[in-house]
Amino acid sequence: MKVINIDEYNPSMGVLVSLEDKEDFKSIKGSINMDIDKILSNPSKYLDKNKKYYFYCLKGSRSRRAVQILGVYGYQVTKVTL
């Protein structure tokens, strides 16, 4: 599993995605919020295999799960630690 620190992230690298619940979403500049359950149930509806995604969440468990599963499906994903 690829892991980087938020300080290493640059918007030119790919899409920064928060996996927090909408009510807990703490935006990092340039990030978007997505529902992990929706992504994992139908990744091709929400993600493009030609793009790179950088997932984060406050505790790290959602982003770890997403990166592990989506990586198996061939998506270019990286876990971001805060």
Protein backbone atom coordinates (compact mmCIF):
# COMPACT_ATOMS: atom_id res chain seq x y z
CA MET A 1 0.00 0.00 0.00
CA LYS A 2 1.31 3.40 -0.98
CA VAL A 3 1.28 5.93 1.87
CA ILE A 4 2.33 9.57 1.94
CA ASN A 5 2.01 12.37 4.49
CA ILE A 6 -0.29 15.28 3.67
CA ASP A 7 2.79 17.53 3.56
CA GLU A 8 4.05 15.54 0.56
CA TYR A 9 0.81 15.94 -1.40
CA ASN A 10 0.65 18.37 -4.31
CA PRO A 11 -2.57 18.93 -6.32
CA SER A 12 -0.74 18.10 -9.54
CA MET A 13 -0.30 14.53 -8.25
CA GLY A 14 -3.99 13.63 -8.43
CA VAL A 15 -7.37 13.97 -6.72
CA LEU A 16 -7.40 14.41 -2.93
CA VAL A 17 -10.45 12.69 -1.43
CA SER A 18 -11.80 12.82 2.11
CA LEU A 19 -13.72 9.72 3.20
CA GLU A 20 -15.26 11.35 6.26
CA ASP A 21 -19.01 11.52 6.80
CA LYS A 22 -20.38 14.79 5.41
CA GLU A 23 -21.00 16.16 8.90
CA ASP A 24 -17.38 15.38 9.93
CA PHE A 25 -15.80 16.62 6.68
CA LYS A 26 -12.87 18.92 7.40
CA SER A 27 -11.82 20.21 4.02
CA ILE A 28 -8.18 20.35 3.12
CA LYS A 29 -7.71 22.88 0.33
CA GLY A 30 -8.63 21.28 -2.98
CA SER A 31 -10.10 18.11 -1.51
CA ILE A 32 -13.47 16.59 -2.26
CA ASN A 33 -15.65 14.48 0.01
CA MET A 34 -16.91 11.06 -1.09
CA ASP A 35 -18.88 8.29 0.60
CA ILE A 36 -16.68 5.21 1.06
CA ASP A 37 -19.60 2.79 0.87
CA LYS A 38 -20.74 4.17 -2.48
CA ILE A 39 -17.21 4.09 -3.88
CA LEU A 40 -16.58 0.52 -2.78
CA SER A 41 -19.96 -0.78 -3.96
CA ASN A 42 -19.53 0.63 -7.48
CA PRO A 43 -16.03 2.08 -8.02
CA SER A 44 -16.37 2.54 -11.79
CA LYS A 45 -19.30 4.89 -11.24
CA TYR A 46 -17.23 7.27 -9.09
CA LEU A 47 -13.59 6.74 -10.09
CA ASP A 48 -11.57 6.78 -13.29
CA LYS A 49 -8.77 4.22 -13.60
CA ASN A 50 -6.74 6.78 -15.57
CA LYS A 51 -6.59 9.18 -12.60
CA LYS A 52 -4.65 8.98 -9.35
CA TYR A 53 -6.52 9.28 -6.07
CA TYR A 54 -5.21 10.22 -2.63
CA PHE A 55 -7.54 9.17 0.19
CA TYR A 56 -7.56 10.52 3.73
CA CYS A 57 -9.71 10.38 6.84
CA LEU A 58 -9.14 11.51 10.41
CA LYS A 59 -8.53 8.10 11.98
CA GLY A 60 -7.02 6.43 8.92
CA SER A 61 -9.17 3.30 8.88
CA ARG A 62 -11.47 4.30 6.01
CA SER A 63 -8.63 5.44 3.79
CA ARG A 64 -6.63 2.27 4.53
CA ARG A 65 -9.63 0.09 3.65
CA ALA A 66 -10.34 2.02 0.43
CA VAL A 67 -6.73 1.88 -0.75
CA GLN A 68 -6.44 -1.85 -0.03
CA ILE A 69 -9.65 -2.75 -1.87
CA LEU A 70 -9.42 -0.32 -4.79
CA GLY A 71 -5.77 -1.21 -5.39
CA VAL A 72 -6.83 -4.82 -6.00
CA TYR A 73 -9.32 -3.53 -8.59
CA GLY A 74 -6.53 -1.73 -10.45
CA TYR A 75 -7.12 1.85 -9.32
CA GLN A 76 -4.16 4.17 -8.72
CA VAL A 77 -4.70 4.93 -5.04
CA THR A 78 -2.57 6.22 -2.18
CA LYS A 79 -3.34 6.60 1.52
CA VAL A 80 -2.62 10.04 2.93
CA THR A 81 -1.80 10.44 6.60
CA LEU A 82 -2.67 13.70 8.33
